[in-house]
Amino acid sequence: MSTSRFETYDETYAYEDEAYAYEKYGGPHGAGTVGHGVPGPPRRAARPAHRRRSRYAERADGVRRLLPQALVVAFLAGGTTAFVAEDKAVELKVDGRTRTLHTFADDVTGLLAEEGVRTGPHDVITPASGTELGHGDEIEVRHGRRLMLTLDGRRSEAWTTAHTVEGALEQLGVRVEGAHLSTSRSRRIGREGLALDVRTERAVTVLADGRTRTIRTNAATAREAVEQAGITLRGRDTTSVAPGSFPRDGQTVTVLRITDGREIRDEAVPFHEVRVEDPALTRGTEVVEWPGRVGLRRLTYLRRTVDGVRLKPRLLRSEVVREPRPQRVRVGTGRPPASVREAERLNWGGLAECESGGRADAVDPSGTYGGLYRLDALTWQSLGGRGRPQDAPAAEQTYRARKLYVRSGTAAWPHCGTRLRG
């Protein structure tokens, strides 16, 4: 039968115990001598074998239990040494807030990722991303903040890592002494950014009423700068630049004193002529059926004086006060008679009635025209008559008138010539 390892272990220890007893006391059970007959200690009663075996089995179990624990402790001791070797204590400052951290990150990029710190292209990281980390290092992150900056009327986009308006303007190099700000200098700028209007102090020269004044101002408009110079704009007064324009540094603004007046002028509106063909009149004959009348137009001008200098009048309004009336003219298209005999068929009685009331001795108030047909002396004599027409018999007057008709048609009688046809 085979022997178990526990039994072997117990027997081994029992053997060693007995051997020790022989060597020490001369035997396992009684007193003996040690060395050269030196008496040993009194004999003790021998322990039962089963008690010795139980004692050594307990010792073996304890060793077996302690061995794995000792191995684990040894392993952990070596791992802890490596763990401590990789751990680093660093300071991380984000937008002014500082924290002391322990990290296993190898570089700045890893640390920021480990801490959940997001960065963008406008952020400032010190030292730069990717820099290797060491124990005791200090890392700072300053996030960029977007500014919609309107500086002296010009709008632009800027980025800053400053936390306040004053710090941002200092970082951007904007002079704030004497400047107008749309918000407080101490206002904090959040991560969402800020819209900011800044008007810096400028030197502006104002020329008015023969005097020159130079002031330092952060005015938003030329009108405001003029008022700050102690000058009042009245009525239609204006400035050499648009009153609402932004005054630049070193600019000269001239005040223009303006006086306005009105001037009214009347002018004639000519009439046009309407020509109507009339076959009842001989060709070449024209008769004004009714004369035209000139119209009237009224013009209103602005008379402006600037600093005592009168400018060219400017037309404000034009209105027709009286409409012109056209002139109507009858133009003869008929063939004139070839002889006095052909002219006999015309209504000479009607013409005489119209011209003189049918009186052969009639004379106009001026004494120039006379007779049935109102002929002057020169025309009468050119027709072969003698003296004056009003002194000749009625038959001769009619004869001479017919000759005149053959020569000139009804044009000789502009107003009554139409009577010859009807």
Protein backbone atom coordinates (compact mmCIF):
# COMPACT_ATOMS: atom_id res chain seq x y z
CA MET A 1 0.00 0.00 0.00
CA SER A 2 1.27 3.41 -0.88
CA THR A 3 1.81 6.04 1.80
CA SER A 4 0.21 9.50 1.44
CA ARG A 5 2.41 12.58 1.40
CA PHE A 6 0.84 13.74 4.69
CA GLU A 7 1.80 10.49 6.37
CA THR A 8 5.31 10.71 4.98
CA TYR A 9 5.55 14.28 6.27
CA ASP A 10 4.50 13.18 9.79
CA GLU A 11 6.92 10.25 9.84
CA THR A 12 9.77 12.39 8.76
CA TYR A 13 9.21 14.82 11.61
CA ALA A 14 8.80 11.86 14.06
CA TYR A 15 12.14 10.45 12.97
CA GLU A 16 13.87 13.79 13.39
CA ASP A 17 12.33 14.12 16.87
CA GLU A 18 13.62 10.74 17.98
CA ALA A 19 17.08 11.34 16.57
CA TYR A 20 17.24 14.59 18.47
CA ALA A 21 16.28 12.77 21.66
CA TYR A 22 19.06 10.18 21.30
CA GLU A 23 21.57 12.90 20.61
CA LYS A 24 20.43 15.07 23.49
CA TYR A 25 19.42 12.68 26.14
CA GLY A 26 20.76 9.26 25.18
CA GLY A 27 17.49 7.78 24.05
CA PRO A 28 13.97 8.51 23.27
CA HIS A 29 12.40 7.45 26.56
CA GLY A 30 14.68 7.80 29.58
CA ALA A 31 17.42 9.71 31.11
CA GLY A 32 20.87 9.13 29.68
CA THR A 33 24.21 10.74 29.44
CA VAL A 34 25.30 13.51 27.15
CA GLY A 35 28.82 13.63 25.95
CA HIS A 36 31.23 11.96 28.47
CA GLY A 37 28.73 10.53 30.87
CA VAL A 38 27.10 13.79 31.78
CA PRO A 39 23.63 12.96 32.98
CA GLY A 40 20.84 14.31 30.77
CA PRO A 41 17.56 15.69 31.76
CA PRO A 42 14.98 13.44 33.41
CA ARG A 43 13.17 11.23 31.05
CA ARG A 44 9.78 12.24 29.85
CA ALA A 45 7.12 9.89 28.94
CA ALA A 46 7.08 9.34 25.20
CA ARG A 47 4.21 11.09 23.32
CA PRO A 48 1.84 8.89 21.44
CA ALA A 49 2.66 8.66 17.77
CA HIS A 50 -0.78 9.83 16.62
CA ARG A 51 -0.37 13.13 18.57
CA ARG A 52 2.97 13.76 16.92
CA ARG A 53 1.53 13.14 13.49
CA SER A 54 -1.38 15.60 14.13
CA ARG A 55 1.01 18.35 15.21
CA TYR A 56 3.16 18.10 12.12
CA ALA A 57 0.11 17.98 9.80
CA GLU A 58 -1.13 21.33 11.22
CA ARG A 59 2.28 22.87 10.56
CA ALA A 60 2.22 21.65 6.98
CA ASP A 61 -1.26 23.07 6.38
CA GLY A 62 -0.16 26.50 7.69
CA VAL A 63 2.82 26.56 5.33
CA ARG A 64 0.62 25.64 2.41
CA ARG A 65 -1.81 28.46 3.27
CA LEU A 66 0.88 31.14 3.70
CA LEU A 67 2.74 30.31 0.50
CA PRO A 68 0.11 31.71 -2.01
CA GLN A 69 -0.40 34.84 0.10
CA ALA A 70 3.33 35.44 0.18
CA LEU A 71 3.49 35.13 -3.60
CA VAL A 72 0.59 37.61 -4.06
CA VAL A 73 2.19 40.10 -1.66
CA ALA A 74 5.48 39.86 -3.53
CA PHE A 75 3.70 40.45 -6.88
CA LEU A 76 1.74 43.41 -5.60
CA ALA A 77 4.89 44.91 -4.11
CA GLY A 78 6.56 44.87 -7.53
CA GLY A 79 3.42 46.28 -9.33
CA THR A 80 3.00 49.11 -6.83
CA THR A 81 6.57 50.15 -7.45
CA ALA A 82 5.80 50.46 -11.20
CA PHE A 83 2.43 52.22 -10.50
CA VAL A 84 4.08 54.85 -8.33
CA ALA A 85 6.79 55.33 -10.92
CA GLU A 86 4.13 56.35 -13.66
CA ASP A 87 1.94 58.63 -11.48
CA LYS A 88 2.61 62.42 -11.82
CA ALA A 89 1.26 65.34 -9.78
CA VAL A 90 0.51 68.36 -12.03
CA GLU A 91 -1.37 71.66 -11.82
CA LEU A 92 -4.04 72.37 -14.44
CA LYS A 93 -5.36 75.93 -14.79
CA VAL A 94 -8.40 76.44 -17.08
CA ASP A 95 -9.55 80.05 -17.54
CA GLY A 96 -8.01 81.04 -14.21
CA ARG A 97 -9.27 78.06 -12.16
CA THR A 98 -6.44 75.86 -10.84
CA ARG A 99 -6.63 72.18 -9.87
CA THR A 100 -3.91 69.83 -8.64
CA LEU A 101 -4.19 66.45 -10.35
CA HIS A 102 -2.54 63.02 -10.39
CA THR A 103 -2.28 61.61 -13.87
CA PHE A 104 -0.76 58.79 -15.88
CA ALA A 105 -0.99 60.84 -19.13
CA ASP A 106 2.24 61.04 -21.11
CA ASP A 107 1.72 64.51 -22.57
CA VAL A 108 -0.45 67.67 -22.46
CA THR A 109 -2.85 66.38 -25.11
CA GLY A 110 -3.51 63.21 -23.12
CA LEU A 111 -4.06 65.15 -19.89
CA LEU A 112 -6.64 67.48 -21.50
CA ALA A 113 -8.45 64.52 -23.05
CA GLU A 114 -8.37 62.71 -19.69
CA GLU A 115 -9.92 65.76 -17.96
CA GLY A 116 -12.49 66.42 -20.70
CA VAL A 117 -11.09 69.87 -21.56
CA ARG A 118 -12.06 70.71 -25.14
CA THR A 119 -9.97 73.22 -27.06
CA GLY A 120 -10.36 75.07 -30.34
CA PRO A 121 -8.18 76.98 -32.83
CA HIS A 122 -8.51 80.26 -30.89
CA ASP A 123 -7.53 78.79 -27.50
CA VAL A 124 -4.06 79.23 -25.94
CA ILE A 125 -2.44 76.15 -24.32
CA THR A 126 0.79 76.45 -22.31
CA PRO A 127 2.90 74.41 -22.80
CA ALA A 128 1.74 73.48 -26.29
CA SER A 129 -0.29 70.36 -27.06
CA GLY A 130 1.87 67.27 -27.37
CA THR A 131 4.46 68.46 -24.84
CA GLU A 132 5.67 65.60 -22.59
CA LEU A 133 4.44 65.79 -18.99
CA GLY A 134 6.65 65.60 -15.91
CA HIS A 135 6.02 65.57 -12.21
CA GLY A 136 5.19 69.08 -10.92
CA ASP A 137 4.41 70.58 -14.34
CA GLU A 138 1.93 73.47 -14.68
CA ILE A 139 -0.48 73.45 -17.63
CA GLU A 140 -2.67 76.46 -18.49
CA VAL A 141 -5.61 76.62 -20.93
CA ARG A 142 -7.15 79.98 -21.91
CA HIS A 143 -10.24 79.64 -24.09
CA GLY A 144 -10.77 82.11 -26.94
CA ARG A 145 -13.81 84.38 -26.82
CA ARG A 146 -15.40 85.90 -29.92
CA LEU A 147 -15.86 89.69 -30.03
CA MET A 148 -18.07 91.41 -32.60
CA LEU A 149 -16.16 94.69 -32.32
CA THR A 150 -17.35 97.96 -33.81
CA LEU A 151 -14.36 100.26 -33.46
CA ASP A 152 -14.86 103.87 -34.54
CA GLY A 153 -17.67 102.90 -36.89
CA ARG A 154 -15.86 99.95 -38.49
CA ARG A 155 -17.18 96.49 -37.66
CA SER A 156 -14.89 93.44 -37.41
CA GLU A 157 -14.56 90.08 -35.70
CA ALA A 158 -11.84 89.55 -33.09
CA TRP A 159 -10.84 86.77 -30.68
CA THR A 160 -9.48 87.21 -27.18
CA THR A 161 -8.50 85.04 -24.22
CA ALA A 162 -9.15 87.86 -21.75
CA HIS A 163 -12.01 87.42 -19.28
CA THR A 164 -13.11 91.08 -19.12
CA VAL A 165 -13.85 93.86 -21.60
CA GLU A 166 -10.93 95.94 -20.32
CA GLY A 167 -8.54 92.99 -20.63
CA ALA A 168 -9.77 92.22 -24.16
CA LEU A 169 -9.26 95.82 -25.35
CA GLU A 170 -5.78 95.88 -23.81
CA GLN A 171 -4.98 92.57 -25.52
CA LEU A 172 -6.23 93.96 -28.86
CA GLY A 173 -4.28 97.21 -28.44
CA VAL A 174 -7.35 99.47 -28.32
CA ARG A 175 -6.83 102.74 -26.44
CA VAL A 176 -9.64 103.09 -23.90
CA GLU A 177 -8.65 106.37 -22.28
CA GLY A 178 -11.44 108.85 -23.03
CA ALA A 179 -13.25 106.25 -25.14
CA HIS A 180 -16.96 105.49 -25.14
CA LEU A 181 -17.84 101.84 -24.49
CA SER A 182 -21.22 100.26 -25.05
CA THR A 183 -20.79 98.29 -21.81
CA SER A 184 -18.80 98.40 -18.57
CA ARG A 185 -15.04 97.82 -18.72
CA SER A 186 -15.29 95.31 -15.88
CA ARG A 187 -17.95 93.20 -17.59
CA ARG A 188 -16.92 89.57 -17.91
CA ILE A 189 -16.86 87.95 -21.33
CA GLY A 190 -18.49 84.52 -21.39
CA ARG A 191 -17.54 81.65 -23.64
CA GLU A 192 -20.43 82.69 -25.92
CA GLY A 193 -18.64 85.97 -26.75
CA LEU A 194 -19.84 89.57 -26.77
CA ALA A 195 -20.85 92.42 -29.10
CA LEU A 196 -18.92 95.58 -28.24
CA ASP A 197 -19.07 99.14 -29.62
CA VAL A 198 -16.03 101.34 -28.94
CA ARG A 199 -15.55 104.98 -29.97
CA THR A 200 -12.07 106.21 -29.17
CA GLU A 201 -11.25 109.83 -28.41
CA ARG A 202 -10.35 111.86 -31.52
CA ALA A 203 -9.29 115.39 -32.40
CA VAL A 204 -11.90 117.15 -34.58
CA THR A 205 -11.76 120.74 -35.86
CA VAL A 206 -15.03 122.64 -36.31
CA LEU A 207 -15.12 125.74 -38.54
CA ALA A 208 -18.21 127.94 -38.10
CA ASP A 209 -19.09 131.61 -38.36
CA GLY A 210 -15.49 132.54 -39.18
CA ARG A 211 -14.08 130.84 -36.08
CA THR A 212 -12.11 127.59 -35.65
CA ARG A 213 -12.52 125.26 -32.67
CA THR A 214 -10.54 122.03 -32.10
CA ILE A 215 -11.97 119.58 -29.58
CA ARG A 216 -11.26 116.04 -28.38
CA THR A 217 -14.39 113.95 -28.63
CA ASN A 218 -15.74 110.41 -28.81
CA ALA A 219 -18.87 111.61 -30.65
CA ALA A 220 -20.72 109.17 -32.88
CA THR A 221 -21.74 111.75 -35.56
CA ALA A 222 -20.47 115.00 -37.05
CA ARG A 223 -23.59 116.79 -35.76
CA GLU A 224 -22.82 115.61 -32.22
CA ALA A 225 -19.20 116.82 -32.51
CA VAL A 226 -20.41 120.25 -33.71
CA GLU A 227 -22.77 120.52 -30.75
CA GLN A 228 -19.95 119.54 -28.36
CA ALA A 229 -17.95 122.44 -29.85
CA GLY A 230 -20.71 124.78 -28.66
CA ILE A 231 -22.22 125.45 -32.09
CA THR A 232 -25.95 125.29 -32.75
CA LEU A 233 -27.37 124.26 -36.11
CA ARG A 234 -30.53 126.21 -36.95
CA GLY A 235 -33.15 125.72 -39.62
CA ARG A 236 -31.54 124.33 -42.75
CA ASP A 237 -27.96 124.69 -41.51
CA THR A 238 -25.79 121.69 -42.30
CA THR A 239 -22.16 120.56 -42.33
CA SER A 240 -19.55 119.99 -45.03
CA VAL A 241 -19.80 116.26 -44.34
CA ALA A 242 -23.02 114.33 -43.81
CA PRO A 243 -24.32 115.27 -40.32
CA GLY A 244 -24.82 111.60 -39.51
CA SER A 245 -21.35 110.47 -40.66
CA PHE A 246 -18.64 109.30 -38.26
CA PRO A 247 -16.05 112.01 -37.49
CA ARG A 248 -12.48 110.77 -38.05
CA ASP A 249 -9.39 111.77 -36.13
CA GLY A 250 -7.96 115.04 -37.53
CA GLN A 251 -11.06 115.78 -39.61
CA THR A 252 -12.30 119.34 -40.21
CA VAL A 253 -16.05 119.86 -40.18
CA THR A 254 -17.34 123.13 -41.65
CA VAL A 255 -20.73 124.47 -40.61
CA LEU A 256 -22.75 125.88 -43.51
CA ARG A 257 -25.30 128.57 -42.62
CA ILE A 258 -28.16 128.27 -45.10
CA THR A 259 -30.91 130.80 -45.84
CA ASP A 260 -33.71 129.86 -48.24
CA GLY A 261 -36.11 132.07 -50.17
CA ARG A 262 -38.70 131.80 -52.94
CA GLU A 263 -38.78 133.51 -56.32
CA ILE A 264 -41.78 133.39 -58.69
CA ARG A 265 -41.50 134.01 -62.42
CA ASP A 266 -44.21 134.06 -65.13
CA GLU A 267 -43.42 133.11 -68.70
CA ALA A 268 -45.47 132.95 -71.88
CA VAL A 269 -46.60 129.64 -73.31
CA PRO A 270 -46.75 129.97 -77.12
CA PHE A 271 -49.79 128.74 -79.01
CA HIS A 272 -49.65 126.42 -81.97
CA GLU A 273 -51.32 126.95 -85.35
CA VAL A 274 -53.97 124.73 -86.88
CA ARG A 275 -54.10 124.95 -90.70
CA VAL A 276 -57.22 123.76 -92.49
CA GLU A 277 -57.47 123.42 -96.27
CA ASP A 278 -60.39 125.30 -97.87
CA PRO A 279 -61.22 124.80 -101.56
CA ALA A 280 -63.52 127.82 -101.45
CA LEU A 281 -60.45 130.02 -101.23
CA THR A 282 -58.15 130.40 -104.17
CA ARG A 283 -54.76 128.76 -103.98
CA GLY A 284 -52.27 130.96 -102.14
CA THR A 285 -54.97 132.55 -100.02
CA GLU A 286 -54.81 132.15 -96.20
CA VAL A 287 -57.45 133.40 -93.85
CA VAL A 288 -57.08 133.37 -90.03
CA GLU A 289 -60.40 131.99 -88.88
CA TRP A 290 -59.63 132.84 -85.24
CA PRO A 291 -56.40 134.13 -83.81
CA GLY A 292 -54.37 132.20 -81.26
CA ARG A 293 -53.86 133.25 -77.65
CA VAL A 294 -50.64 133.00 -75.68
CA GLY A 295 -50.80 130.96 -72.45
CA LEU A 296 -49.13 131.70 -69.09
CA ARG A 297 -46.88 129.46 -66.99
CA ARG A 298 -45.87 130.28 -63.37
CA LEU A 299 -42.48 129.01 -62.14
CA THR A 300 -41.44 128.85 -58.47
CA TYR A 301 -37.67 128.81 -57.75
CA LEU A 302 -35.72 128.14 -54.56
CA ARG A 303 -33.23 130.90 -53.84
CA ARG A 304 -30.56 129.53 -51.46
CA THR A 305 -27.79 131.50 -49.81
CA VAL A 306 -24.89 129.61 -48.20
CA ASP A 307 -22.63 131.64 -45.92
CA GLY A 308 -23.67 134.79 -47.81
CA VAL A 309 -23.14 133.33 -51.28
CA ARG A 310 -26.23 133.02 -53.52
CA LEU A 311 -26.46 129.72 -55.33
CA LYS A 312 -28.06 129.09 -58.71
CA PRO A 313 -31.87 129.05 -58.34
CA ARG A 314 -33.45 125.62 -58.26
CA LEU A 315 -36.85 125.06 -59.84
CA LEU A 316 -39.34 123.80 -57.27
CA ARG A 317 -42.66 123.94 -59.11
CA SER A 318 -44.10 124.72 -62.55
CA GLU A 319 -47.81 125.27 -63.16
CA VAL A 320 -49.79 126.55 -66.16
CA VAL A 321 -51.98 129.45 -65.06
CA ARG A 322 -53.63 129.94 -68.47
CA GLU A 323 -53.74 127.42 -71.28
CA PRO A 324 -52.72 128.70 -74.74
CA ARG A 325 -55.39 128.72 -77.47
CA PRO A 326 -54.38 127.50 -80.93
CA GLN A 327 -54.76 129.74 -83.99
CA ARG A 328 -56.95 128.40 -86.80
CA VAL A 329 -55.97 129.30 -90.37
CA ARG A 330 -57.89 128.43 -93.55
CA VAL A 331 -55.62 127.74 -96.48
CA GLY A 332 -57.07 128.16 -99.98
CA THR A 333 -56.74 125.27 -102.40
CA GLY A 334 -59.19 126.50 -105.13
CA ARG A 335 -58.10 127.63 -108.62
CA PRO A 336 -58.20 131.44 -109.00
CA PRO A 337 -60.33 132.90 -111.89
CA ALA A 338 -58.48 133.56 -115.09
CA SER A 339 -60.41 136.83 -115.86
CA VAL A 340 -62.64 139.43 -114.31
CA ARG A 341 -65.54 137.84 -116.14
CA GLU A 342 -65.06 134.60 -114.19
CA ALA A 343 -65.03 136.63 -110.97
CA GLU A 344 -68.46 138.10 -111.72
CA ARG A 345 -70.16 134.95 -110.39
CA LEU A 346 -68.93 135.62 -106.85
CA ASN A 347 -71.01 137.25 -104.10
CA TRP A 348 -69.65 140.78 -104.27
CA GLY A 349 -72.66 142.19 -102.52
CA GLY A 350 -71.95 139.99 -99.52
CA LEU A 351 -68.32 141.13 -99.46
CA ALA A 352 -69.33 144.85 -99.67
CA GLU A 353 -71.85 144.39 -96.85
CA CYS A 354 -69.18 142.80 -94.66
CA GLU A 355 -66.47 145.36 -95.42
CA SER A 356 -68.37 148.70 -95.51
CA GLY A 357 -72.01 147.99 -94.78
CA GLY A 358 -72.71 148.39 -98.50
CA ARG A 359 -71.79 152.13 -98.56
CA ALA A 360 -69.66 153.23 -101.52
CA ASP A 361 -68.36 156.34 -99.71
CA ALA A 362 -67.41 154.60 -96.48
CA VAL A 363 -64.04 155.52 -94.93
CA ASP A 364 -62.35 153.83 -91.91
CA PRO A 365 -61.51 155.99 -88.87
CA SER A 366 -57.85 156.30 -89.90
CA GLY A 367 -58.80 157.56 -93.36
CA THR A 368 -56.61 154.93 -95.02
CA TYR A 369 -59.22 152.57 -96.41
CA GLY A 370 -62.40 153.54 -98.20
CA GLY A 371 -65.20 152.53 -100.59
CA LEU A 372 -67.35 149.41 -100.80
CA TYR A 373 -64.39 147.03 -100.44
CA ARG A 374 -62.10 149.00 -98.14
CA LEU A 375 -59.21 149.60 -100.51
CA ASP A 376 -56.31 151.92 -99.81
CA ALA A 377 -55.28 154.56 -102.38
CA LEU A 378 -52.09 152.77 -103.52
CA THR A 379 -53.93 149.48 -104.21
CA TRP A 380 -56.72 151.39 -105.94
CA GLN A 381 -54.32 153.18 -108.26
CA SER A 382 -52.41 149.92 -109.01
CA LEU A 383 -55.71 148.57 -110.33
CA GLY A 384 -56.05 151.53 -112.78
CA GLY A 385 -58.21 153.78 -110.62
CA ARG A 386 -57.76 157.50 -110.12
CA GLY A 387 -57.90 159.43 -106.89
CA ARG A 388 -59.49 157.61 -103.99
CA PRO A 389 -61.76 154.56 -104.20
CA GLN A 390 -64.55 156.12 -102.10
CA ASP A 391 -64.82 158.93 -104.65
CA ALA A 392 -65.48 156.55 -107.62
CA PRO A 393 -68.87 155.18 -108.66
CA ALA A 394 -69.94 151.84 -107.09
CA ALA A 395 -69.71 149.98 -110.45
CA GLU A 396 -66.09 151.07 -110.91
CA GLN A 397 -65.28 150.05 -107.37
CA THR A 398 -66.69 146.57 -108.01
CA TYR A 399 -64.78 146.29 -111.29
CA ARG A 400 -61.46 147.23 -109.62
CA ALA A 401 -62.23 144.79 -106.77
CA ARG A 402 -62.75 141.95 -109.22
CA LYS A 403 -59.36 142.69 -110.80
CA LEU A 404 -57.81 142.59 -107.33
CA TYR A 405 -59.44 139.22 -106.73
CA VAL A 406 -57.99 137.82 -109.95
CA ARG A 407 -54.58 139.01 -108.80
CA SER A 408 -54.66 138.14 -105.06
CA GLY A 409 -57.74 136.08 -104.37
CA THR A 410 -59.55 136.47 -101.07
CA ALA A 411 -56.25 137.29 -99.31
CA ALA A 412 -57.05 140.96 -100.06
CA TRP A 413 -59.92 140.69 -97.58
CA PRO A 414 -58.69 138.48 -94.70
CA HIS A 415 -61.79 138.78 -92.57
CA CYS A 416 -64.62 139.04 -95.13
CA GLY A 417 -63.16 137.21 -98.16
CA THR A 418 -65.18 134.10 -97.34
CA ARG A 419 -68.35 135.97 -98.10
CA LEU A 420 -67.52 135.82 -101.81
CA ARG A 421 -68.34 132.08 -101.75
CA GLY A 422 -71.65 132.23 -100.09
